[in-house]
Amino acid sequence: MSKAQKVLIAGAWRDSDASGTFEPNNPSTREPTGELYPVSSLDEATEAVEAAAVASEQLQAFYPDGVANFLETFADRIEARADELVAMANTESGLPAPTRLAAIELPRTTGQLRQAAAAARGRTWSLPTIDTASNIRSMYSAIEGGVAVFGPNNFPFAFNSVAGGDFAAALGAGCPVIGKANSSHPGTSRLLAEEALEALKATGLPLATVQLIYRTSHDVGEKLVSDPKIGATGYTGSRAAGLALKAAADVAGKPIYLELSSINPVYILPGALAERSEAIADEFGTSCLMGTGQFCTNPGIVVLQKGPSTDEFMGQVKERFDAAPVGTLLAEGVESGMSRSVATLQQAGAELLTGGSAGAGTGFSYSNTLLTVSGAQFLQDPESLQTEAFGNESLFIVVDDLDQGCEVARHFEGNLTGCVYTDSGGSDDGAYDRIAPLLRRKVGRLLNDKMPTGVAVVPSMNHGGPYPATGHPGFTAVGIPASMLRFGMLACYDNVRDDRLPVELRDVNPGGVARLVDGGWSTGDVSV
């Protein structure tokens, strides 16, 4: 067995004081990748927190231009090493190298880093606010301490703990990051951290600005997020693990931002089915099976009104699921999780239309699966029938009428997205007007006539929602500059002399930063 890989602590790669080790698998072959990784002790995690706390103080002198330079340099270095990064991510995740990792996810990752750099330089994310009569001024600035980032298994680049969206938002706000790599892609995280360290050296930032550990015990993870010197935590992963971390952080009064689970309900109204049933079946099949269903915005529930058109539509979708190849899942745990979730849905009354078996494809896999349940059955056990099956599965809820469809919406848990399909002639408008207000309060993003899988990385995006989609409905994990606010604190200055104020709050505004001055937005100087 090879020696365990080194951790990145306080600006240096070094041997871990590991309390144990683990070896990731190649999900396409079910075989180990051949690399060994350490499980960090509490002492090691605490040392990373201490180093990040020092870097947090030092970074103030480099913000915003130095931080922005680092983010841009890091993006350049990732692109220069793209072939090696894509090959490693493909080995560890089984995700398609040319069509997914190289063509979509890696460019999204470098794009996010550059967006964060631009937002840091532009400074409008800090929402500078000035009241001249009282001479009170406020803005958002970086919280004190490092940000711990727990990355998920399904985006080895775009949500990586040392390069992804939470990382970009934290650095963009001026916070150092302690990355806790996902155990499904530690090698990808290691390569990214190597480039981050070289970018820090090239731009002169504190070397402890980016640190990396690979795995901790549950107990050490809980102590990490509740450490007195940690600033905040960004977490994407399972509900159970996330809630355990949240409980620890809450007791310590530490902010933690969670993305946990989402089934993303889709309503397809009768007029839409009558108008374009085949087209919607195509859209749904593509969305649900894309990436073997391992997207947080995968459409896991479809609500349809009972009738011949619905029966026909379900048959059309079944044909597509049966004909589609069975994709590879990210890990053995995802495969076993699918088995447990589908069994839970069946025990709650859902009937299997197709699929329902593990190991149906290459490597870790589960057959393309559809289930159905009546609206009345759903209302009898809505909690069990909202069990998330993270993968290539969806549940049809067939309601008796619009009233029952509205009642189903009232029983949905919080989700990242919700969608309503309507016809173009207006016959569904009345139903839409009843359903949309109910669904809107259950989701972070409401869609019309499109599936939810794509998450555009634009400032207006909300990748959040009510619990259990996230731990707080007021924040987003995607969409710069809004995602940066999670890692900021509101700093208020009362009667502070102009030359002692942050530049964003001074009377003269040479950079033309947009500021709220006496209740109106302005890019000019303050007249006092």
Protein backbone atom coordinates (compact mmCIF):
# COMPACT_ATOMS: atom_id res chain seq x y z
CA MET A 1 0.00 0.00 0.00
CA SER A 2 1.30 3.45 -0.89
CA LYS A 3 1.98 6.14 1.67
CA ALA A 4 -0.89 8.46 2.52
CA GLN A 5 -1.01 11.77 0.65
CA LYS A 6 0.07 14.92 2.44
CA VAL A 7 -2.28 17.55 3.85
CA LEU A 8 -1.90 21.28 3.22
CA ILE A 9 -1.67 23.09 6.57
CA ALA A 10 -0.43 26.62 7.19
CA GLY A 11 1.13 26.97 3.76
CA ALA A 12 3.01 23.66 3.60
CA TRP A 13 2.36 20.15 2.33
CA ARG A 14 3.21 17.74 5.12
CA ASP A 15 2.53 14.27 6.45
CA SER A 16 -0.72 14.06 8.38
CA ASP A 17 -0.93 12.95 11.98
CA ALA A 18 -3.71 10.72 10.65
CA SER A 19 -6.06 8.92 12.99
CA GLY A 20 -6.77 6.59 10.07
CA THR A 21 -6.70 6.35 6.28
CA PHE A 22 -9.08 5.69 3.40
CA GLU A 23 -8.79 4.73 -0.26
CA PRO A 24 -11.27 6.09 -2.80
CA ASN A 25 -12.77 3.89 -5.51
CA ASN A 26 -13.12 4.37 -9.25
CA PRO A 27 -16.92 4.14 -9.56
CA SER A 28 -16.76 2.86 -13.14
CA THR A 29 -14.69 -0.17 -12.16
CA ARG A 30 -15.56 -0.52 -8.45
CA GLU A 31 -11.80 -0.82 -7.89
CA PRO A 32 -9.58 1.34 -5.63
CA THR A 33 -7.78 4.20 -7.35
CA GLY A 34 -4.48 3.22 -5.75
CA GLU A 35 -4.07 6.37 -3.65
CA LEU A 36 -4.29 6.49 0.14
CA TYR A 37 -5.57 9.52 2.04
CA PRO A 38 -5.43 10.47 5.73
CA VAL A 39 -8.24 11.02 8.21
CA SER A 40 -7.20 14.15 10.10
CA SER A 41 -7.15 14.31 13.88
CA LEU A 42 -8.68 17.05 16.01
CA ASP A 43 -5.23 18.52 16.59
CA GLU A 44 -4.65 18.81 12.85
CA ALA A 45 -8.07 20.38 12.22
CA THR A 46 -7.50 22.81 15.10
CA GLU A 47 -4.11 23.80 13.71
CA ALA A 48 -5.75 24.61 10.38
CA VAL A 49 -8.34 26.78 12.13
CA GLU A 50 -5.59 28.61 14.03
CA ALA A 51 -3.61 29.26 10.85
CA ALA A 52 -6.72 30.50 9.07
CA ALA A 53 -7.45 32.89 11.93
CA VAL A 54 -4.01 34.46 11.48
CA ALA A 55 -4.49 34.63 7.70
CA SER A 56 -7.87 36.28 8.26
CA GLU A 57 -6.17 39.22 9.95
CA GLN A 58 -3.44 39.41 7.33
CA LEU A 59 -5.83 39.29 4.36
CA GLN A 60 -7.35 42.64 5.31
CA ALA A 61 -4.24 44.34 3.96
CA PHE A 62 -4.61 42.55 0.59
CA TYR A 63 -8.32 43.17 0.02
CA PRO A 64 -9.71 43.62 -2.55
CA ASP A 65 -7.04 43.81 -5.26
CA GLY A 66 -4.65 41.19 -3.86
CA VAL A 67 -7.46 38.70 -3.30
CA ALA A 68 -8.85 39.36 -6.78
CA ASN A 69 -5.40 38.84 -8.30
CA PHE A 70 -5.13 35.50 -6.51
CA LEU A 71 -8.54 34.32 -7.74
CA GLU A 72 -7.68 35.21 -11.33
CA THR A 73 -4.23 33.64 -11.11
CA PHE A 74 -5.73 30.50 -9.62
CA ALA A 75 -8.25 30.30 -12.47
CA ASP A 76 -5.42 30.64 -15.00
CA ARG A 77 -3.43 27.86 -13.31
CA ILE A 78 -6.44 25.53 -13.26
CA GLU A 79 -6.88 26.01 -16.99
CA ALA A 80 -3.20 25.35 -17.61
CA ARG A 81 -3.48 22.02 -15.78
CA ALA A 82 -6.91 21.14 -17.18
CA ASP A 83 -5.96 17.83 -18.83
CA GLU A 84 -4.54 16.34 -15.64
CA LEU A 85 -7.41 17.66 -13.52
CA VAL A 86 -10.05 16.27 -15.89
CA ALA A 87 -8.34 12.88 -16.00
CA MET A 88 -8.20 12.67 -12.21
CA ALA A 89 -11.82 13.80 -11.78
CA ASN A 90 -12.95 11.26 -14.38
CA THR A 91 -11.14 8.45 -12.53
CA GLU A 92 -12.62 9.42 -9.17
CA SER A 93 -16.18 10.31 -10.25
CA GLY A 94 -16.90 8.38 -13.44
CA LEU A 95 -18.33 11.57 -14.94
CA PRO A 96 -17.73 11.98 -18.69
CA ALA A 97 -14.39 13.67 -19.28
CA PRO A 98 -14.92 15.60 -22.54
CA THR A 99 -18.63 16.41 -22.43
CA ARG A 100 -19.11 17.14 -18.72
CA LEU A 101 -15.86 17.76 -16.88
CA ALA A 102 -13.82 19.53 -19.58
CA ALA A 103 -16.57 21.24 -21.55
CA ILE A 104 -18.94 22.32 -18.78
CA GLU A 105 -17.79 21.95 -15.21
CA LEU A 106 -14.20 23.13 -15.36
CA PRO A 107 -15.09 26.32 -17.30
CA ARG A 108 -17.89 26.99 -14.80
CA THR A 109 -15.35 26.68 -11.98
CA THR A 110 -12.84 29.13 -13.42
CA GLY A 111 -15.70 31.43 -14.38
CA GLN A 112 -16.92 31.52 -10.78
CA LEU A 113 -13.43 32.39 -9.55
CA ARG A 114 -13.21 35.28 -11.99
CA GLN A 115 -16.71 36.48 -11.11
CA ALA A 116 -15.70 36.55 -7.44
CA ALA A 117 -12.58 38.52 -8.33
CA ALA A 118 -14.65 41.08 -10.22
CA ALA A 119 -17.14 41.35 -7.36
CA ALA A 120 -14.34 41.90 -4.85
CA ARG A 121 -12.88 44.70 -6.95
CA GLY A 122 -16.28 46.24 -7.69
CA ARG A 123 -17.20 46.26 -3.98
CA THR A 124 -20.93 46.69 -4.56
CA TRP A 125 -21.48 43.30 -2.86
CA SER A 126 -20.71 45.07 0.42
CA LEU A 127 -23.86 47.24 0.08
CA PRO A 128 -22.32 50.50 1.35
CA THR A 129 -25.02 52.56 3.08
CA ILE A 130 -24.66 56.16 4.21
CA ASP A 131 -27.03 58.36 6.21
CA THR A 132 -25.60 61.87 6.20
CA ALA A 133 -27.90 63.43 8.83
CA SER A 134 -26.83 60.98 11.55
CA ASN A 135 -23.37 60.37 10.08
CA ILE A 136 -23.91 56.61 10.43
CA ARG A 137 -22.47 54.41 7.71
CA SER A 138 -22.42 50.65 7.23
CA MET A 139 -21.26 47.93 4.84
CA TYR A 140 -20.57 44.22 4.70
CA SER A 141 -17.00 43.05 5.19
CA ALA A 142 -15.31 39.71 5.79
CA ILE A 143 -16.17 37.83 8.94
CA GLU A 144 -13.34 37.08 11.35
CA GLY A 145 -11.67 33.70 10.92
CA GLY A 146 -11.52 31.09 8.21
CA VAL A 147 -14.40 29.46 6.38
CA ALA A 148 -14.62 25.65 6.45
CA VAL A 149 -15.95 24.30 3.15
CA PHE A 150 -17.35 20.78 2.93
CA GLY A 151 -17.73 19.93 -0.76
CA PRO A 152 -20.25 17.43 -2.23
CA ASN A 153 -19.55 14.32 -4.28
CA ASN A 154 -21.40 15.29 -7.47
CA PHE A 155 -19.38 18.31 -8.65
CA PRO A 156 -15.65 17.58 -8.34
CA PHE A 157 -14.78 21.00 -9.78
CA ALA A 158 -17.70 23.45 -9.52
CA PHE A 159 -18.45 22.74 -5.84
CA ASN A 160 -15.00 21.57 -4.83
CA SER A 161 -13.97 22.58 -1.33
CA VAL A 162 -10.84 24.37 -2.61
CA ALA A 163 -12.06 25.79 -5.94
CA GLY A 164 -15.87 25.71 -6.16
CA GLY A 165 -18.71 28.09 -5.50
CA ASP A 166 -18.46 28.30 -1.70
CA PHE A 167 -14.68 28.70 -1.99
CA ALA A 168 -15.01 31.51 -4.53
CA ALA A 169 -17.66 33.29 -2.44
CA ALA A 170 -15.60 33.07 0.75
CA LEU A 171 -12.39 34.30 -0.89
CA GLY A 172 -14.33 36.96 -2.78
CA ALA A 173 -15.56 38.28 0.55
CA GLY A 174 -12.00 38.27 1.90
CA CYS A 175 -12.01 35.06 3.99
CA PRO A 176 -9.41 32.26 4.02
CA VAL A 177 -10.72 28.74 3.38
CA ILE A 178 -10.15 25.40 5.08
CA GLY A 179 -11.21 22.84 2.50
CA LYS A 180 -12.54 19.48 3.71
CA ALA A 181 -12.35 17.40 0.54
CA ASN A 182 -15.15 15.06 -0.39
CA SER A 183 -14.03 11.47 0.01
CA SER A 184 -15.21 10.68 -3.52
CA HIS A 185 -12.64 12.95 -5.15
CA PRO A 186 -9.69 13.66 -2.83
CA GLY A 187 -7.16 13.47 -5.65
CA THR A 188 -8.96 16.13 -7.65
CA SER A 189 -9.02 18.33 -4.54
CA ARG A 190 -5.31 17.73 -3.98
CA LEU A 191 -4.41 18.85 -7.50
CA LEU A 192 -6.55 21.95 -7.16
CA ALA A 193 -4.97 22.80 -3.80
CA GLU A 194 -1.52 22.45 -5.35
CA GLU A 195 -2.43 25.14 -7.88
CA ALA A 196 -4.04 27.30 -5.19
CA LEU A 197 -0.83 27.26 -3.15
CA GLU A 198 1.26 28.23 -6.20
CA ALA A 199 -1.19 31.05 -6.94
CA LEU A 200 -0.85 32.29 -3.36
CA LYS A 201 2.93 32.34 -3.71
CA ALA A 202 2.71 34.14 -7.05
CA THR A 203 0.43 36.87 -5.71
CA GLY A 204 2.02 37.27 -2.28
CA LEU A 205 -1.01 36.41 -0.19
CA PRO A 206 -0.70 34.66 3.20
CA LEU A 207 0.01 31.01 2.44
CA ALA A 208 -2.57 29.79 4.98
CA THR A 209 -5.30 31.46 2.89
CA VAL A 210 -6.07 28.02 1.41
CA GLN A 211 -5.69 24.78 3.39
CA LEU A 212 -6.80 21.22 2.69
CA ILE A 213 -7.66 18.16 4.74
CA TYR A 214 -9.37 15.11 3.27
CA ARG A 215 -11.59 13.49 5.88
CA THR A 216 -12.40 13.75 9.57
CA SER A 217 -14.41 11.66 11.98
CA HIS A 218 -17.91 12.95 12.70
CA ASP A 219 -16.74 14.13 16.12
CA VAL A 220 -13.81 16.09 14.68
CA GLY A 221 -16.03 17.60 11.99
CA GLU A 222 -18.43 18.86 14.63
CA LYS A 223 -15.58 20.37 16.61
CA LEU A 224 -14.19 22.00 13.48
CA VAL A 225 -17.42 23.87 12.65
CA SER A 226 -17.85 24.95 16.29
CA ASP A 227 -14.27 26.00 17.00
CA PRO A 228 -14.16 29.45 18.67
CA LYS A 229 -11.83 30.72 15.94
CA ILE A 230 -13.76 29.45 12.91
CA GLY A 231 -15.64 32.13 11.00
CA ALA A 232 -18.34 30.12 9.23
CA THR A 233 -18.98 26.89 7.35
CA GLY A 234 -20.36 26.08 3.92
CA TYR A 235 -21.64 22.51 3.58
CA THR A 236 -23.20 20.53 0.73
CA GLY A 237 -24.12 16.92 1.37
CA SER A 238 -26.48 14.56 3.14
CA ARG A 239 -29.20 15.83 5.43
CA ALA A 240 -28.17 13.69 8.40
CA ALA A 241 -24.52 14.74 8.37
CA GLY A 242 -25.39 18.37 7.69
CA LEU A 243 -27.83 18.58 10.57
CA ALA A 244 -25.28 17.07 12.95
CA LEU A 245 -22.79 19.76 11.93
CA LYS A 246 -25.47 22.43 12.24
CA ALA A 247 -26.35 21.35 15.76
CA ALA A 248 -22.71 21.68 16.79
CA ALA A 249 -22.27 25.04 15.07
CA ASP A 250 -25.53 26.43 16.47
CA VAL A 251 -24.56 25.61 20.05
CA ALA A 252 -21.33 27.53 19.49
CA GLY A 253 -23.09 30.42 17.78
CA LYS A 254 -21.19 29.86 14.51
CA PRO A 255 -22.81 30.50 11.11
CA ILE A 256 -23.24 27.42 8.94
CA TYR A 257 -24.83 27.38 5.48
CA LEU A 258 -26.21 24.04 4.37
CA GLU A 259 -27.43 22.52 1.13
CA LEU A 260 -29.06 19.25 2.11
CA SER A 261 -31.73 17.64 -0.06
CA SER A 262 -34.31 18.55 -2.68
CA ILE A 263 -36.85 16.67 -4.81
CA ASN A 264 -37.75 19.65 -7.02
CA PRO A 265 -41.46 19.09 -7.79
CA VAL A 266 -42.72 19.59 -11.34
CA TYR A 267 -46.41 20.24 -12.09
CA ILE A 268 -47.51 19.38 -15.63
CA LEU A 269 -51.01 20.75 -16.19
CA PRO A 270 -53.57 19.13 -18.50
CA GLY A 271 -53.39 21.72 -21.27
CA ALA A 272 -49.62 21.33 -21.52
CA LEU A 273 -49.95 17.56 -21.83
CA ALA A 274 -52.60 17.89 -24.54
CA GLU A 275 -50.44 20.37 -26.44
CA ARG A 276 -46.96 18.80 -26.30
CA SER A 277 -46.85 15.57 -24.31
CA GLU A 278 -44.01 13.99 -26.33
CA ALA A 279 -41.83 17.09 -26.10
CA ILE A 280 -42.28 17.31 -22.34
CA ALA A 281 -41.50 13.61 -22.00
CA ASP A 282 -38.25 14.24 -23.89
CA GLU A 283 -37.37 17.18 -21.65
CA PHE A 284 -38.17 15.27 -18.49
CA GLY A 285 -36.24 12.16 -19.51
CA THR A 286 -33.18 14.21 -20.38
CA SER A 287 -33.36 16.21 -17.15
CA CYS A 288 -33.96 13.28 -14.83
CA LEU A 289 -31.31 11.00 -16.31
CA MET A 290 -28.64 13.65 -16.97
CA GLY A 291 -25.56 12.82 -14.91
CA THR A 292 -27.38 9.66 -13.80
CA GLY A 293 -29.75 11.92 -11.87
CA GLN A 294 -27.02 13.06 -9.47
CA PHE A 295 -27.92 16.74 -9.49
CA CYS A 296 -29.36 18.61 -6.54
CA THR A 297 -31.96 20.03 -8.95
CA ASN A 298 -33.00 16.65 -10.38
CA PRO A 299 -36.83 16.51 -10.86
CA GLY A 300 -37.71 13.87 -8.28
CA ILE A 301 -41.49 14.38 -8.20
CA VAL A 302 -43.96 15.05 -11.03
CA VAL A 303 -47.57 16.00 -10.24
CA LEU A 304 -50.15 15.12 -12.90
CA GLN A 305 -53.94 15.20 -13.00
CA LYS A 306 -55.69 11.86 -13.48
CA GLY A 307 -56.86 11.06 -17.01
CA PRO A 308 -55.97 9.37 -20.32
CA SER A 309 -53.40 12.04 -21.22
CA THR A 310 -51.56 11.38 -17.98
CA ASP A 311 -51.55 7.63 -18.56
CA GLU A 312 -50.18 8.21 -22.04
CA PHE A 313 -47.50 10.58 -20.76
CA MET A 314 -46.30 8.15 -18.09
CA GLY A 315 -46.04 5.48 -20.78
CA GLN A 316 -43.98 7.82 -22.94
CA VAL A 317 -41.58 8.53 -20.09
CA LYS A 318 -41.31 4.84 -19.24
CA GLU A 319 -40.31 4.10 -22.83
CA ARG A 320 -37.54 6.67 -22.62
CA PHE A 321 -36.28 5.37 -19.28
CA ASP A 322 -36.24 1.78 -20.55
CA ALA A 323 -34.40 2.78 -23.73
CA ALA A 324 -31.81 5.02 -22.06
CA PRO A 325 -28.46 3.57 -20.96
CA VAL A 326 -27.96 3.13 -17.24
CA GLY A 327 -25.30 5.54 -16.04
CA THR A 328 -22.60 5.12 -13.41
CA LEU A 329 -23.24 6.42 -9.91
CA LEU A 330 -20.61 8.38 -8.02
CA ALA A 331 -19.97 5.90 -5.23
CA GLU A 332 -21.05 2.66 -3.63
CA GLY A 333 -22.89 4.69 -1.01
CA VAL A 334 -24.99 6.35 -3.72
CA GLU A 335 -25.96 2.93 -5.09
CA SER A 336 -26.96 1.60 -1.66
CA GLY A 337 -28.73 4.88 -0.90
CA MET A 338 -30.83 4.47 -4.03
CA SER A 339 -31.86 0.98 -2.91
CA ARG A 340 -32.90 2.23 0.52
CA SER A 341 -34.79 5.23 -0.84
CA VAL A 342 -36.74 3.28 -3.46
CA ALA A 343 -37.64 0.68 -0.84
CA THR A 344 -38.91 3.44 1.47
CA LEU A 345 -41.07 4.88 -1.32
CA GLN A 346 -42.53 1.45 -2.07
CA GLN A 347 -43.22 0.75 1.59
CA ALA A 348 -45.14 4.03 1.71
CA GLY A 349 -47.38 2.92 -1.16
CA ALA A 350 -45.57 3.86 -4.37
CA GLU A 351 -45.80 1.36 -7.22
CA LEU A 352 -42.85 0.57 -9.45
CA LEU A 353 -43.36 1.41 -13.14
CA THR A 354 -39.87 0.44 -14.23
CA GLY A 355 -36.41 -0.14 -12.77
CA GLY A 356 -35.88 -0.75 -9.09
CA SER A 357 -32.68 -2.81 -9.12
CA ALA A 358 -29.07 -2.12 -8.20
CA GLY A 359 -26.10 -2.95 -10.40
CA ALA A 360 -27.92 -2.55 -13.70
CA GLY A 361 -25.10 -0.68 -15.45
CA THR A 362 -21.34 -0.25 -15.46
CA GLY A 363 -19.70 0.05 -12.04
CA PHE A 364 -21.80 1.45 -9.23
CA SER A 365 -25.24 1.77 -10.77
CA TYR A 366 -29.00 1.52 -10.38
CA SER A 367 -31.59 0.95 -13.07
CA ASN A 368 -33.49 3.95 -14.44
CA THR A 369 -36.47 3.99 -12.09
CA LEU A 370 -40.00 5.39 -12.14
CA LEU A 371 -42.65 5.02 -9.46
CA THR A 372 -46.22 6.25 -9.13
CA VAL A 373 -48.61 7.01 -6.29
CA SER A 374 -52.06 8.57 -6.08
CA GLY A 375 -52.60 11.99 -4.62
CA ALA A 376 -54.65 10.48 -1.79
CA GLN A 377 -51.83 8.06 -0.92
CA PHE A 378 -49.29 10.87 -0.95
CA LEU A 379 -51.37 12.93 1.47
CA GLN A 380 -51.54 9.97 3.86
CA ASP A 381 -47.74 9.80 4.18
CA PRO A 382 -46.14 12.88 2.61
CA GLU A 383 -42.96 12.61 4.66
CA SER A 384 -42.01 9.12 3.48
CA LEU A 385 -43.07 9.83 -0.09
CA GLN A 386 -40.71 12.81 -0.20
CA THR A 387 -37.70 10.63 0.50
CA GLU A 388 -34.92 11.80 -1.78
CA ALA A 389 -33.52 9.12 -4.07
CA PHE A 390 -30.26 10.73 -5.16
CA GLY A 391 -29.91 9.33 -8.65
CA ASN A 392 -31.82 8.31 -11.76
CA GLU A 393 -35.32 8.05 -10.22
CA SER A 394 -38.56 10.00 -10.11
CA LEU A 395 -42.03 9.62 -8.58
CA PHE A 396 -45.29 10.47 -10.36
CA ILE A 397 -48.08 11.75 -8.11
CA VAL A 398 -51.42 11.38 -9.88
CA VAL A 399 -54.01 13.68 -8.29
CA ASP A 400 -57.78 13.49 -8.72
CA ASP A 401 -58.25 17.16 -9.51
CA LEU A 402 -56.81 20.65 -9.08
CA ASP A 403 -57.96 20.91 -5.46
CA GLN A 404 -56.00 17.81 -4.55
CA GLY A 405 -53.03 19.08 -6.54
CA CYS A 406 -53.06 22.26 -4.48
CA GLU A 407 -53.25 20.25 -1.26
CA VAL A 408 -50.26 18.22 -2.35
CA ALA A 409 -48.30 21.46 -2.84
CA ARG A 410 -49.15 22.52 0.72
CA HIS A 411 -47.50 19.34 2.00
CA PHE A 412 -44.22 19.73 0.14
CA GLU A 413 -41.08 20.30 2.16
CA GLY A 414 -38.71 23.08 1.15
CA ASN A 415 -36.95 22.60 -2.19
CA LEU A 416 -34.37 24.30 -4.34
CA THR A 417 -36.73 24.47 -7.32
CA GLY A 418 -40.33 24.01 -8.38
CA CYS A 419 -41.73 24.07 -11.90
CA VAL A 420 -45.12 24.43 -13.59
CA TYR A 421 -45.74 23.45 -17.21
CA THR A 422 -48.71 25.14 -18.90
CA ASP A 423 -50.09 25.31 -22.43
CA SER A 424 -49.51 28.27 -24.75
CA GLY A 425 -53.22 28.87 -25.37
CA GLY A 426 -54.14 29.89 -21.84
CA SER A 427 -56.32 26.94 -20.78
CA ASP A 428 -54.01 26.25 -17.82
CA ASP A 429 -53.83 29.85 -16.62
CA GLY A 430 -56.49 29.51 -13.93
CA ALA A 431 -54.83 26.41 -12.49
CA TYR A 432 -51.44 28.07 -12.63
CA ASP A 433 -52.75 31.03 -10.65
CA ARG A 434 -53.78 28.68 -7.85
CA ILE A 435 -50.73 26.42 -7.81
CA ALA A 436 -47.88 28.89 -8.34
CA PRO A 437 -48.42 30.94 -5.14
CA LEU A 438 -48.40 27.74 -3.07
CA LEU A 439 -45.36 26.32 -4.80
CA ARG A 440 -43.46 29.62 -4.78
CA ARG A 441 -43.16 29.65 -0.99
CA LYS A 442 -41.86 26.08 -0.97
CA VAL A 443 -38.94 26.69 -3.34
CA GLY A 444 -36.00 28.98 -3.89
CA ARG A 445 -36.43 29.15 -7.67
CA LEU A 446 -39.75 28.91 -9.54
CA LEU A 447 -39.58 27.83 -13.19
CA ASN A 448 -42.14 27.90 -15.98
CA ASP A 449 -42.09 25.44 -18.87
CA LYS A 450 -38.51 24.22 -18.39
CA MET A 451 -36.90 21.51 -16.33
CA PRO A 452 -34.85 22.59 -13.29
CA THR A 453 -31.58 20.76 -13.85
CA GLY A 454 -29.51 23.65 -15.20
CA VAL A 455 -28.21 26.21 -12.70
CA ALA A 456 -27.06 29.34 -14.51
CA VAL A 457 -24.09 30.99 -12.79
CA VAL A 458 -25.47 34.53 -12.99
CA PRO A 459 -25.96 37.21 -10.30
CA SER A 460 -29.75 36.73 -10.21
CA MET A 461 -29.59 32.97 -9.54
CA ASN A 462 -30.93 31.62 -6.26
CA HIS A 463 -29.58 28.18 -5.47
CA GLY A 464 -31.22 27.95 -2.09
CA GLY A 465 -34.64 27.48 -0.57
CA PRO A 466 -36.55 26.60 2.60
CA TYR A 467 -35.47 23.70 4.81
CA PRO A 468 -34.56 20.93 4.07
CA ALA A 469 -33.23 22.25 0.76
CA THR A 470 -30.93 24.46 2.82
CA GLY A 471 -30.48 25.50 6.43
CA HIS A 472 -31.70 29.06 5.81
CA PRO A 473 -34.04 30.34 3.06
CA GLY A 474 -32.43 33.76 2.82
CA PHE A 475 -29.15 32.74 1.19
CA THR A 476 -27.86 31.23 -2.04
CA ALA A 477 -24.87 29.00 -2.83
CA VAL A 478 -24.77 30.13 -6.49
CA GLY A 479 -24.96 33.66 -7.83
CA ILE A 480 -22.18 36.12 -7.18
CA PRO A 481 -22.26 38.60 -5.47
CA ALA A 482 -25.26 37.40 -3.39
CA SER A 483 -23.51 34.17 -2.34
CA MET A 484 -20.67 36.23 -0.84
CA LEU A 485 -22.96 37.74 1.80
CA ARG A 486 -22.94 34.43 3.68
CA PHE A 487 -19.35 35.11 4.63
CA GLY A 488 -19.69 38.77 5.50
CA MET A 489 -20.65 40.68 8.64
CA LEU A 490 -22.46 44.00 8.76
CA ALA A 491 -20.00 46.61 10.01
CA CYS A 492 -21.44 49.94 11.19
CA TYR A 493 -19.50 53.18 11.74
CA ASP A 494 -21.08 55.91 13.88
CA ASN A 495 -19.52 59.40 13.74
CA VAL A 496 -16.19 57.99 12.55
CA ARG A 497 -13.89 60.50 10.85
CA ASP A 498 -13.84 60.33 7.08
CA ASP A 499 -10.16 59.40 6.80
CA ARG A 500 -10.69 56.49 9.21
CA LEU A 501 -13.56 54.98 7.24
CA PRO A 502 -13.24 52.16 4.70
CA VAL A 503 -12.88 53.68 1.24
CA GLU A 504 -16.38 52.45 0.31
CA LEU A 505 -17.93 54.73 2.97
CA ARG A 506 -15.92 57.91 2.57
CA ASP A 507 -17.41 61.10 1.18
CA VAL A 508 -15.34 60.97 -1.99
CA ASN A 509 -16.11 57.99 -4.22
CA PRO A 510 -13.41 57.91 -6.92
CA GLY A 511 -14.15 54.29 -7.83
CA GLY A 512 -17.80 54.99 -8.53
CA VAL A 513 -19.01 52.23 -6.19
CA ALA A 514 -22.82 52.05 -6.06
CA ARG A 515 -23.89 53.18 -2.58
CA LEU A 516 -27.21 53.77 -0.84
CA VAL A 517 -26.95 57.40 0.24
CA ASP A 518 -29.85 58.89 2.20
CA GLY A 519 -32.23 56.33 0.76
CA GLY A 520 -31.18 56.62 -2.89
CA TRP A 521 -28.58 54.79 -4.95
CA SER A 522 -25.62 56.86 -6.04
CA THR A 523 -22.19 56.36 -7.63
CA GLY A 524 -21.10 59.91 -6.88
CA ASP A 525 -19.51 61.70 -3.94
CA VAL A 526 -21.39 62.51 -0.74
CA SER A 527 -22.32 66.13 -0.16
CA VAL A 528 -22.36 67.00 3.55
